[in-house]
PDB file of N, CA and C in Angstrom:
ATOM      1  N   MET A   1      37.468  22.449 -22.719  1.00  0.00           N
ATOM      2  CA  MET A   1      37.994  21.322 -22.347  1.00  0.00           C
ATOM      3  C   MET A   1      37.253  20.985 -20.894  1.00  0.00           C
ATOM      4  N   LYS A   2      37.411  22.130 -19.999  1.00  0.00           N
ATOM      5  CA  LYS A   2      36.981  21.909 -18.745  1.00  0.00           C
ATOM      6  C   LYS A   2      35.438  21.914 -18.577  1.00  0.00           C
ATOM      7  N   LYS A   3      34.830  22.714 -19.759  1.00  0.00           N
ATOM      8  CA  LYS A   3      33.338  22.471 -19.517  1.00  0.00           C
ATOM      9  C   LYS A   3      32.801  21.030 -19.968  1.00  0.00           C
ATOM     10  N   THR A   4      33.528  20.639 -20.674  1.00  0.00           N
ATOM     11  CA  THR A   4      33.259  19.219 -21.413  1.00  0.00           C
ATOM     12  C   THR A   4      33.424  18.038 -20.012  1.00  0.00           C
ATOM     13  N   ILE A   5      34.780  18.158 -19.149  1.00  0.00           N
ATOM     14  CA  ILE A   5      34.955  17.557 -18.095  1.00  0.00           C
ATOM     15  C   ILE A   5      33.881  17.592 -16.963  1.00  0.00           C
ATOM     16  N   PHE A   6      33.554  18.886 -16.825  1.00  0.00           N
ATOM     17  CA  PHE A   6      32.790  19.169 -15.846  1.00  0.00           C
ATOM     18  C   PHE A   6      31.163  18.586 -16.094  1.00  0.00           C
ATOM     19  N   LEU A   7      30.872  18.856 -17.258  1.00  0.00           N
ATOM     20  CA  LEU A   7      29.642  18.162 -17.761  1.00  0.00           C
ATOM     21  C   LEU A   7      29.440  16.549 -17.864  1.00  0.00           C
ATOM     22  N   LEU A   8      30.560  16.072 -18.025  1.00  0.00           N
ATOM     23  CA  LEU A   8      30.718  14.475 -17.965  1.00  0.00           C
ATOM     24  C   LEU A   8      30.688  14.255 -16.334  1.00  0.00           C
ATOM     25  N   LEU A   9      31.198  14.835 -15.304  1.00  0.00           N
ATOM     26  CA  LEU A   9      31.426  14.308 -14.237  1.00  0.00           C
ATOM     27  C   LEU A   9      30.039  14.636 -13.598  1.00  0.00           C
ATOM     28  N   ALA A  10      29.311  15.656 -14.003  1.00  0.00           N
ATOM     29  CA  ALA A  10      28.105  15.884 -13.300  1.00  0.00           C
ATOM     30  C   ALA A  10      27.093  15.260 -13.882  1.00  0.00           C
ATOM     31  N   SER A  11      27.143  14.774 -15.032  1.00  0.00           N
ATOM     32  CA  SER A  11      26.060  13.729 -15.589  1.00  0.00           C
ATOM     33  C   SER A  11      26.478  12.441 -14.765  1.00  0.00           C
ATOM     34  N   VAL A  12      27.753  11.981 -14.775  1.00  0.00           N
ATOM     35  CA  VAL A  12      27.868  10.582 -13.975  1.00  0.00           C
ATOM     36  C   VAL A  12      27.366  10.660 -12.668  1.00  0.00           C
ATOM     37  N   SER A  13      27.865  11.610 -11.929  1.00  0.00           N
ATOM     38  CA  SER A  13      27.333  11.849 -10.349  1.00  0.00           C
ATOM     39  C   SER A  13      25.697  12.119 -10.153  1.00  0.00           C
ATOM     40  N   LEU A  14      25.240  12.410 -11.150  1.00  0.00           N
ATOM     41  CA  LEU A  14      23.846  12.921 -10.937  1.00  0.00           C
ATOM     42  C   LEU A  14      23.110  11.695 -11.222  1.00  0.00           C
ATOM     43  N   SER A  15      23.649  10.763 -12.400  1.00  0.00           N
ATOM     44  CA  SER A  15      22.860   9.633 -12.451  1.00  0.00           C
ATOM     45  C   SER A  15      22.990   8.418 -11.548  1.00  0.00           C
ATOM     46  N   ALA A  16      24.077   8.676 -10.634  1.00  0.00           N
ATOM     47  CA  ALA A  16      24.308   7.478  -9.792  1.00  0.00           C
ATOM     48  C   ALA A  16      23.252   7.587  -8.735  1.00  0.00           C
ATOM     49  N   CYS A  17      22.354   8.981  -8.454  1.00  0.00           N
ATOM     50  CA  CYS A  17      21.274   8.951  -7.646  1.00  0.00           C
ATOM     51  C   CYS A  17      20.176   8.166  -7.912  1.00  0.00           C
ATOM     52  N   SER A  18      19.961   7.795  -9.343  1.00  0.00           N
ATOM     53  CA  SER A  18      18.860   6.675  -9.676  1.00  0.00           C
ATOM     54  C   SER A  18      19.018   5.176  -9.192  1.00  0.00           C
ATOM     55  N   LEU A  19      20.349   4.915  -8.760  1.00  0.00           N
ATOM     56  CA  LEU A  19      20.605   3.792  -8.427  1.00  0.00           C
ATOM     57  C   LEU A  19      20.391   3.403  -6.886  1.00  0.00           C
ATOM     58  N   LEU A  20      20.098   4.507  -6.247  1.00  0.00           N
ATOM     59  CA  LEU A  20      19.604   4.088  -4.815  1.00  0.00           C
ATOM     60  C   LEU A  20      18.236   3.640  -4.650  1.00  0.00           C
ATOM     61  N   PRO A  21      18.005   2.752  -3.517  1.00  0.00           N
ATOM     62  CA  PRO A  21      16.770   2.360  -3.287  1.00  0.00           C
ATOM     63  C   PRO A  21      15.583   3.171  -2.929  1.00  0.00           C
ATOM     64  N   GLU A  22      14.652   3.008  -3.228  1.00  0.00           N
ATOM     65  CA  GLU A  22      13.398   4.132  -2.707  1.00  0.00           C
ATOM     66  C   GLU A  22      13.354   4.094  -1.374  1.00  0.00           C
ATOM     67  N   PRO A  23      12.958   5.081  -0.583  1.00  0.00           N
ATOM     68  CA  PRO A  23      12.779   5.166   0.917  1.00  0.00           C
ATOM     69  C   PRO A  23      11.681   4.179   1.226  1.00  0.00           C
ATOM     70  N   TYR A  24      11.684   4.086   2.606  1.00  0.00           N
ATOM     71  CA  TYR A  24      10.558   3.339   3.143  1.00  0.00           C
ATOM     72  C   TYR A  24       9.345   4.226   3.303  1.00  0.00           C
ATOM     73  N   LYS A  25       8.127   3.410   2.548  1.00  0.00           N
ATOM     74  CA  LYS A  25       6.860   4.276   2.593  1.00  0.00           C
ATOM     75  C   LYS A  25       6.113   3.585   3.846  1.00  0.00           C
ATOM     76  N   THR A  26       5.409   4.509   4.691  1.00  0.00           N
ATOM     77  CA  THR A  26       4.714   4.024   5.920  1.00  0.00           C
ATOM     78  C   THR A  26       3.418   3.770   5.535  1.00  0.00           C
ATOM     79  N   PRO A  27       2.745   2.732   5.987  1.00  0.00           N
ATOM     80  CA  PRO A  27       1.354   2.355   5.725  1.00  0.00           C
ATOM     81  C   PRO A  27       0.493   3.333   6.457  1.00  0.00           C
ATOM     82  N   VAL A  28      -0.590   4.009   5.678  1.00  0.00           N
ATOM     83  CA  VAL A  28      -1.487   4.980   6.233  1.00  0.00           C
ATOM     84  C   VAL A  28      -2.702   4.385   6.440  1.00  0.00           C
ATOM     85  N   SER A  29      -3.212   4.630   7.616  1.00  0.00           N
ATOM     86  CA  SER A  29      -4.332   4.198   8.175  1.00  0.00           C
ATOM     87  C   SER A  29      -5.201   5.244   8.588  1.00  0.00           C
ATOM     88  N   GLN A  30      -6.543   5.199   8.272  1.00  0.00           N
ATOM     89  CA  GLN A  30      -7.531   6.246   8.858  1.00  0.00           C
ATOM     90  C   GLN A  30      -8.654   5.729   9.180  1.00  0.00           C
ATOM     91  N   GLY A  31      -9.366   6.299   9.965  1.00  0.00           N
ATOM     92  CA  GLY A  31     -10.480   5.765  10.689  1.00  0.00           C
ATOM     93  C   GLY A  31     -10.522   5.144  11.893  1.00  0.00           C
ATOM     94  N   ASN A  32     -11.596   4.384  12.235  1.00  0.00           N
ATOM     95  CA  ASN A  32     -11.857   3.644  13.377  1.00  0.00           C
ATOM     96  C   ASN A  32     -11.056   2.140  13.205  1.00  0.00           C
ATOM     97  N   VAL A  33      -9.865   2.198  14.009  1.00  0.00           N
ATOM     98  CA  VAL A  33      -9.187   0.629  14.095  1.00  0.00           C
ATOM     99  C   VAL A  33      -9.760  -0.252  14.924  1.00  0.00           C
ATOM    100  N   LEU A  34     -10.579  -1.191  14.142  1.00  0.00           N
ATOM    101  CA  LEU A  34     -11.340  -2.257  14.908  1.00  0.00           C
ATOM    102  C   LEU A  34     -10.736  -3.414  14.668  1.00  0.00           C
ATOM    103  N   LYS A  35     -10.419  -3.975  16.042  1.00  0.00           N
ATOM    104  CA  LYS A  35      -9.946  -5.457  16.026  1.00  0.00           C
ATOM    105  C   LYS A  35     -10.742  -6.353  15.815  1.00  0.00           C
ATOM    106  N   GLN A  36     -10.805  -7.471  15.473  1.00  0.00           N
ATOM    107  CA  GLN A  36     -12.019  -8.698  15.466  1.00  0.00           C
ATOM    108  C   GLN A  36     -12.265  -9.141  16.716  1.00  0.00           C
ATOM    109  N   GLU A  37     -11.429  -9.227  17.793  1.00  0.00           N
ATOM    110  CA  GLU A  37     -11.778  -9.420  18.977  1.00  0.00           C
ATOM    111  C   GLU A  37     -12.879  -8.414  19.602  1.00  0.00           C
ATOM    112  N   GLN A  38     -12.816  -6.969  19.285  1.00  0.00           N
ATOM    113  CA  GLN A  38     -13.695  -6.035  19.628  1.00  0.00           C
ATOM    114  C   GLN A  38     -15.174  -6.303  18.910  1.00  0.00           C
ATOM    115  N   VAL A  39     -14.906  -6.607  17.754  1.00  0.00           N
ATOM    116  CA  VAL A  39     -16.327  -6.753  16.772  1.00  0.00           C
ATOM    117  C   VAL A  39     -16.853  -7.853  17.381  1.00  0.00           C
ATOM    118  N   ALA A  40     -16.433  -8.774  17.716  1.00  0.00           N
ATOM    119  CA  ALA A  40     -16.910 -10.313  18.343  1.00  0.00           C
ATOM    120  C   ALA A  40     -17.547 -10.067  19.634  1.00  0.00           C
ATOM    121  N   GLN A  41     -17.227  -9.174  20.087  1.00  0.00           N
ATOM    122  CA  GLN A  41     -18.023  -8.732  21.584  1.00  0.00           C
ATOM    123  C   GLN A  41     -19.140  -8.126  21.358  1.00  0.00           C
ATOM    124  N   VAL A  42     -19.673  -7.283  20.266  1.00  0.00           N
ATOM    125  CA  VAL A  42     -20.546  -6.797  20.001  1.00  0.00           C
ATOM    126  C   VAL A  42     -21.715  -7.531  19.906  1.00  0.00           C
ATOM    127  N   LYS A  43     -23.038  -7.707  20.526  1.00  0.00           N
ATOM    128  CA  LYS A  43     -23.985  -8.494  20.298  1.00  0.00           C
ATOM    129  C   LYS A  43     -25.071  -7.756  20.036  1.00  0.00           C
ATOM    130  N   VAL A  44     -26.216  -8.309  19.308  1.00  0.00           N
ATOM    131  CA  VAL A  44     -27.631  -7.558  19.229  1.00  0.00           C
ATOM    132  C   VAL A  44     -28.067  -7.734  20.363  1.00  0.00           C
ATOM    133  N   GLY A  45     -28.784  -6.497  21.113  1.00  0.00           N
ATOM    134  CA  GLY A  45     -29.257  -6.509  22.298  1.00  0.00           C
ATOM    135  C   GLY A  45     -28.598  -5.541  23.301  1.00  0.00           C
ATOM    136  N   MET A  46     -27.254  -5.178  22.827  1.00  0.00           N
ATOM    137  CA  MET A  46     -26.511  -4.214  23.682  1.00  0.00           C
ATOM    138  C   MET A  46     -27.077  -2.813  23.771  1.00  0.00           C
ATOM    139  N   SER A  47     -26.787  -2.019  24.635  1.00  0.00           N
ATOM    140  CA  SER A  47     -27.241  -0.608  24.688  1.00  0.00           C
ATOM    141  C   SER A  47     -26.171  -0.075  23.829  1.00  0.00           C
ATOM    142  N   ALA A  48     -26.601   1.185  23.323  1.00  0.00           N
ATOM    143  CA  ALA A  48     -25.580   2.240  22.734  1.00  0.00           C
ATOM    144  C   ALA A  48     -24.302   2.273  23.467  1.00  0.00           C
ATOM    145  N   SER A  49     -24.542   2.651  24.895  1.00  0.00           N
ATOM    146  CA  SER A  49     -23.287   3.172  25.688  1.00  0.00           C
ATOM    147  C   SER A  49     -22.576   2.115  25.743  1.00  0.00           C
ATOM    148  N   GLN A  50     -22.886   0.702  25.817  1.00  0.00           N
ATOM    149  CA  GLN A  50     -22.110  -0.726  26.005  1.00  0.00           C
ATOM    150  C   GLN A  50     -21.145  -0.346  24.519  1.00  0.00           C
ATOM    151  N   VAL A  51     -21.892  -0.450  23.455  1.00  0.00           N
ATOM    152  CA  VAL A  51     -21.078  -0.511  22.112  1.00  0.00           C
ATOM    153  C   VAL A  51     -20.006   0.599  21.977  1.00  0.00           C
ATOM    154  N   SER A  52     -20.454   1.961  22.128  1.00  0.00           N
ATOM    155  CA  SER A  52     -19.616   3.046  22.317  1.00  0.00           C
ATOM    156  C   SER A  52     -18.546   2.913  23.079  1.00  0.00           C
ATOM    157  N   TYR A  53     -18.654   2.038  24.507  1.00  0.00           N
ATOM    158  CA  TYR A  53     -17.623   1.731  25.095  1.00  0.00           C
ATOM    159  C   TYR A  53     -16.450   0.654  24.650  1.00  0.00           C
ATOM    160  N   LEU A  54     -17.060  -0.231  23.828  1.00  0.00           N
ATOM    161  CA  LEU A  54     -16.131  -1.354  23.124  1.00  0.00           C
ATOM    162  C   LEU A  54     -15.604  -0.714  22.046  1.00  0.00           C
ATOM    163  N   LEU A  55     -16.226   0.090  21.103  1.00  0.00           N
ATOM    164  CA  LEU A  55     -15.671   0.283  19.747  1.00  0.00           C
ATOM    165  C   LEU A  55     -15.176   2.005  19.664  1.00  0.00           C
ATOM    166  N   GLY A  56     -15.842   2.546  20.538  1.00  0.00           N
ATOM    167  CA  GLY A  56     -15.457   3.961  20.471  1.00  0.00           C
ATOM    168  C   GLY A  56     -16.389   4.753  19.883  1.00  0.00           C
ATOM    169  N   THR A  57     -16.018   6.068  19.506  1.00  0.00           N
ATOM    170  CA  THR A  57     -17.114   6.840  18.799  1.00  0.00           C
ATOM    171  C   THR A  57     -17.170   6.439  17.317  1.00  0.00           C
ATOM    172  N   PRO A  58     -18.366   6.258  16.584  1.00  0.00           N
ATOM    173  CA  PRO A  58     -18.251   5.870  15.231  1.00  0.00           C
ATOM    174  C   PRO A  58     -17.830   7.006  14.526  1.00  0.00           C
ATOM    175  N   MET A  59     -17.297   6.656  13.075  1.00  0.00           N
ATOM    176  CA  MET A  59     -16.842   7.591  12.213  1.00  0.00           C
ATOM    177  C   MET A  59     -17.676   8.534  11.592  1.00  0.00           C
ATOM    178  N   VAL A  60     -18.893   7.832  11.367  1.00  0.00           N
ATOM    179  CA  VAL A  60     -19.726   8.655  10.733  1.00  0.00           C
ATOM    180  C   VAL A  60     -21.422   8.383  11.348  1.00  0.00           C
ATOM    181  N   ARG A  61     -22.225   9.203  11.810  1.00  0.00           N
ATOM    182  CA  ARG A  61     -23.399   9.428  12.273  1.00  0.00           C
ATOM    183  C   ARG A  61     -24.107  10.257  11.246  1.00  0.00           C
ATOM    184  N   ASP A  62     -24.810   9.348  10.766  1.00  0.00           N
ATOM    185  CA  ASP A  62     -25.803  10.072   9.442  1.00  0.00           C
ATOM    186  C   ASP A  62     -26.979  10.992  10.160  1.00  0.00           C
ATOM    187  N   SER A  63     -27.070  11.969   9.763  1.00  0.00           N
ATOM    188  CA  SER A  63     -28.319  12.842  10.411  1.00  0.00           C
ATOM    189  C   SER A  63     -29.660  12.419   9.698  1.00  0.00           C
ATOM    190  N   PHE A  64     -29.580  12.066   8.587  1.00  0.00           N
ATOM    191  CA  PHE A  64     -30.819  11.274   7.949  1.00  0.00           C
ATOM    192  C   PHE A  64     -31.215  10.156   8.632  1.00  0.00           C
ATOM    193  N   ALA A  65     -30.310   9.124   9.161  1.00  0.00           N
ATOM    194  CA  ALA A  65     -30.433   7.714   9.717  1.00  0.00           C
ATOM    195  C   ALA A  65     -29.830   7.869  11.047  1.00  0.00           C
ATOM    196  N   PRO A  66     -30.334   8.557  12.207  1.00  0.00           N
ATOM    197  CA  PRO A  66     -29.773   8.712  13.334  1.00  0.00           C
ATOM    198  C   PRO A  66     -29.525   7.363  14.242  1.00  0.00           C
ATOM    199  N   ASN A  67     -30.166   6.495  13.556  1.00  0.00           N
ATOM    200  CA  ASN A  67     -30.119   5.171  14.407  1.00  0.00           C
ATOM    201  C   ASN A  67     -29.089   4.075  13.741  1.00  0.00           C
ATOM    202  N   GLU A  68     -28.077   4.692  12.921  1.00  0.00           N
ATOM    203  CA  GLU A  68     -27.127   4.129  12.147  1.00  0.00           C
ATOM    204  C   GLU A  68     -25.737   4.693  12.612  1.00  0.00           C
ATOM    205  N   TRP A  69     -24.839   3.453  12.977  1.00  0.00           N
ATOM    206  CA  TRP A  69     -23.599   4.043  13.177  1.00  0.00           C
ATOM    207  C   TRP A  69     -22.785   3.165  12.323  1.00  0.00           C
ATOM    208  N   HIS A  70     -21.831   4.138  11.695  1.00  0.00           N
ATOM    209  CA  HIS A  70     -20.642   3.435  10.838  1.00  0.00           C
ATOM    210  C   HIS A  70     -19.393   3.691  11.223  1.00  0.00           C
ATOM    211  N   TYR A  71     -18.792   2.753  11.292  1.00  0.00           N
ATOM    212  CA  TYR A  71     -17.374   2.533  11.516  1.00  0.00           C
ATOM    213  C   TYR A  71     -16.631   2.126  10.445  1.00  0.00           C
ATOM    214  N   LEU A  72     -15.414   3.115   9.890  1.00  0.00           N
ATOM    215  CA  LEU A  72     -14.853   2.821   8.614  1.00  0.00           C
ATOM    216  C   LEU A  72     -13.518   2.897   8.912  1.00  0.00           C
ATOM    217  N   TYR A  73     -12.885   2.144   8.244  1.00  0.00           N
ATOM    218  CA  TYR A  73     -11.116   1.933   8.417  1.00  0.00           C
ATOM    219  C   TYR A  73     -10.520   1.680   7.174  1.00  0.00           C
ATOM    220  N   THR A  74      -9.706   2.407   6.727  1.00  0.00           N
ATOM    221  CA  THR A  74      -8.970   2.355   5.554  1.00  0.00           C
ATOM    222  C   THR A  74      -7.638   2.203   5.741  1.00  0.00           C
ATOM    223  N   SER A  75      -6.935   1.313   5.139  1.00  0.00           N
ATOM    224  CA  SER A  75      -5.457   1.061   5.027  1.00  0.00           C
ATOM    225  C   SER A  75      -4.868   1.004   3.679  1.00  0.00           C
ATOM    226  N   LEU A  76      -3.815   2.169   3.488  1.00  0.00           N
ATOM    227  CA  LEU A  76      -3.110   2.246   2.226  1.00  0.00           C
ATOM    228  C   LEU A  76      -1.921   1.622   2.428  1.00  0.00           C
ATOM    229  N   TYR A  77      -1.557   0.721   1.843  1.00  0.00           N
ATOM    230  CA  TYR A  77       0.033   0.209   1.810  1.00  0.00           C
ATOM    231  C   TYR A  77       0.553   0.359   0.331  1.00  0.00           C
ATOM    232  N   ALA A  78       1.881   0.894   0.387  1.00  0.00           N
ATOM    233  CA  ALA A  78       2.532   1.230  -1.099  1.00  0.00           C
ATOM    234  C   ALA A  78       3.724   0.510  -1.068  1.00  0.00           C
ATOM    235  N   ASP A  79       4.159  -0.284  -2.112  1.00  0.00           N
ATOM    236  CA  ASP A  79       5.381  -0.631  -2.448  1.00  0.00           C
ATOM    237  C   ASP A  79       5.827  -0.205  -3.575  1.00  0.00           C
ATOM    238  N   ASP A  80       7.102  -0.721  -4.156  1.00  0.00           N
ATOM    239  CA  ASP A  80       7.472  -0.259  -5.370  1.00  0.00           C
ATOM    240  C   ASP A  80       6.723  -0.330  -6.535  1.00  0.00           C
ATOM    241  N   ASN A  81       5.936  -1.305  -6.890  1.00  0.00           N
ATOM    242  CA  ASN A  81       5.215  -1.382  -7.869  1.00  0.00           C
ATOM    243  C   ASN A  81       3.503  -1.225  -7.775  1.00  0.00           C
ATOM    244  N   THR A  82       3.171  -1.462  -6.499  1.00  0.00           N
ATOM    245  CA  THR A  82       1.834  -1.500  -6.454  1.00  0.00           C
ATOM    246  C   THR A  82       1.254  -0.746  -5.256  1.00  0.00           C
ATOM    247  N   LYS A  83       0.201  -0.492  -5.171  1.00  0.00           N
ATOM    248  CA  LYS A  83      -0.813   0.272  -4.187  1.00  0.00           C
ATOM    249  C   LYS A  83      -1.915  -0.536  -3.834  1.00  0.00           C
ATOM    250  N   LYS A  84      -1.903  -0.952  -2.414  1.00  0.00           N
ATOM    251  CA  LYS A  84      -2.990  -2.081  -1.799  1.00  0.00           C
ATOM    252  C   LYS A  84      -3.780  -1.174  -1.059  1.00  0.00           C
ATOM    253  N   SER A  85      -5.175  -0.957  -0.975  1.00  0.00           N
ATOM    254  CA  SER A  85      -6.058  -0.667  -0.173  1.00  0.00           C
ATOM    255  C   SER A  85      -6.970  -1.760   0.359  1.00  0.00           C
ATOM    256  N   GLU A  86      -7.252  -1.442   1.852  1.00  0.00           N
ATOM    257  CA  GLU A  86      -8.221  -2.361   2.402  1.00  0.00           C
ATOM    258  C   GLU A  86      -9.252  -1.283   3.090  1.00  0.00           C
ATOM    259  N   ILE A  87     -10.434  -1.644   2.946  1.00  0.00           N
ATOM    260  CA  ILE A  87     -11.294  -0.795   3.470  1.00  0.00           C
ATOM    261  C   ILE A  87     -12.248  -1.836   4.189  1.00  0.00           C
ATOM    262  N   ASP A  88     -12.490  -1.423   5.437  1.00  0.00           N
ATOM    263  CA  ASP A  88     -13.746  -2.148   6.633  1.00  0.00           C
ATOM    264  C   ASP A  88     -14.777  -1.187   6.793  1.00  0.00           C
ATOM    265  N   HIS A  89     -16.005  -1.722   6.509  1.00  0.00           N
ATOM    266  CA  HIS A  89     -17.104  -1.128   6.874  1.00  0.00           C
ATOM    267  C   HIS A  89     -18.122  -1.612   7.999  1.00  0.00           C
ATOM    268  N   LEU A  90     -18.249  -1.199   9.084  1.00  0.00           N
ATOM    269  CA  LEU A  90     -19.001  -1.915  10.114  1.00  0.00           C
ATOM    270  C   LEU A  90     -20.268  -1.009  10.211  1.00  0.00           C
ATOM    271  N   VAL A  91     -21.439  -1.279  10.129  1.00  0.00           N
ATOM    272  CA  VAL A  91     -22.680  -0.684  10.254  1.00  0.00           C
ATOM    273  C   VAL A  91     -23.597  -1.069  11.430  1.00  0.00           C
ATOM    274  N   LEU A  92     -23.760  -0.471  12.599  1.00  0.00           N
ATOM    275  CA  LEU A  92     -24.701  -0.991  13.262  1.00  0.00           C
ATOM    276  C   LEU A  92     -25.960  -0.131  13.515  1.00  0.00           C
ATOM    277  N   ILE A  93     -27.018  -0.927  13.507  1.00  0.00           N
ATOM    278  CA  ILE A  93     -28.361  -0.281  13.503  1.00  0.00           C
ATOM    279  C   ILE A  93     -28.942  -0.310  14.756  1.00  0.00           C
ATOM    280  N   PHE A  94     -29.539   0.845  15.662  1.00  0.00           N
ATOM    281  CA  PHE A  94     -30.124   0.709  16.629  1.00  0.00           C
ATOM    282  C   PHE A  94     -31.629   1.076  16.586  1.00  0.00           C
ATOM    283  N   ASP A  95     -32.314   0.733  17.518  1.00  0.00           N
ATOM    284  CA  ASP A  95     -33.642   0.859  17.748  1.00  0.00           C
ATOM    285  C   ASP A  95     -33.860   1.334  19.460  1.00  0.00           C
ATOM    286  N   ASN A  96     -34.178   2.466  19.692  1.00  0.00           N
ATOM    287  CA  ASN A  96     -34.274   2.776  21.216  1.00  0.00           C
ATOM    288  C   ASN A  96     -33.097   2.655  21.979  1.00  0.00           C
ATOM    289  N   ASP A  97     -31.994   3.221  21.242  1.00  0.00           N
ATOM    290  CA  ASP A  97     -30.805   2.878  21.731  1.00  0.00           C
ATOM    291  C   ASP A  97     -30.391   1.256  22.329  1.00  0.00           C
ATOM    292  N   ILE A  98     -31.102   0.386  21.389  1.00  0.00           N
ATOM    293  CA  ILE A  98     -30.833  -0.995  21.800  1.00  0.00           C
ATOM    294  C   ILE A  98     -30.166  -1.431  20.423  1.00  0.00           C
ATOM    295  N   LEU A  99     -28.996  -2.500  20.335  1.00  0.00           N
ATOM    296  CA  LEU A  99     -28.636  -2.625  18.926  1.00  0.00           C
ATOM    297  C   LEU A  99     -29.506  -3.595  18.132  1.00  0.00           C
ATOM    298  N   GLN A 100     -29.841  -3.356  17.130  1.00  0.00           N
ATOM    299  CA  GLN A 100     -30.867  -4.183  16.605  1.00  0.00           C
ATOM    300  C   GLN A 100     -30.243  -5.367  15.312  1.00  0.00           C
ATOM    301  N   LYS A 101     -29.192  -4.856  14.804  1.00  0.00           N
ATOM    302  CA  LYS A 101     -28.382  -5.511  13.486  1.00  0.00           C
ATOM    303  C   LYS A 101     -26.991  -4.830  13.198  1.00  0.00           C
ATOM    304  N   ILE A 102     -26.289  -5.959  13.093  1.00  0.00           N
ATOM    305  CA  ILE A 102     -24.916  -5.667  12.821  1.00  0.00           C
ATOM    306  C   ILE A 102     -24.525  -6.085  11.331  1.00  0.00           C
ATOM    307  N   GLU A 103     -24.004  -5.099  10.363  1.00  0.00           N
ATOM    308  CA  GLU A 103     -23.774  -5.509   8.895  1.00  0.00           C
ATOM    309  C   GLU A 103     -22.226  -5.189   8.898  1.00  0.00           C
ATOM    310  N   GLN A 104     -21.733  -6.207   8.127  1.00  0.00           N
ATOM    311  CA  GLN A 104     -20.402  -5.831   7.751  1.00  0.00           C
ATOM    312  C   GLN A 104     -20.228  -5.749   6.100  1.00  0.00           C
ATOM    313  N   ARG A 105     -19.957  -4.399   6.022  1.00  0.00           N
ATOM    314  CA  ARG A 105     -20.070  -4.086   4.592  1.00  0.00           C
ATOM    315  C   ARG A 105     -18.771  -4.162   3.565  1.00  0.00           C
TER     316      ARG A 105
END
């Protein structure tokens, strides 16, 4: 009889945990956080040092294409039912340390 009552109380108390709301999930951001104001200041014809001053160090400098700077930013938001991710990719192409082209992928 005591075992039955104990098992009944244990099952009721453990099932109450499922009624609790899920904990807060922090958005995860990785990479270079670039604001639109910063990107808008970058213009073709700027030097590499000026661009580096405005945007910071690029996330990727490809050894096979040393004149390309890649700025990557990923945000992951998770709520109860869905996961959303945003990816921003800015590519700057230089020639002789002068910015020639801006691509947003």
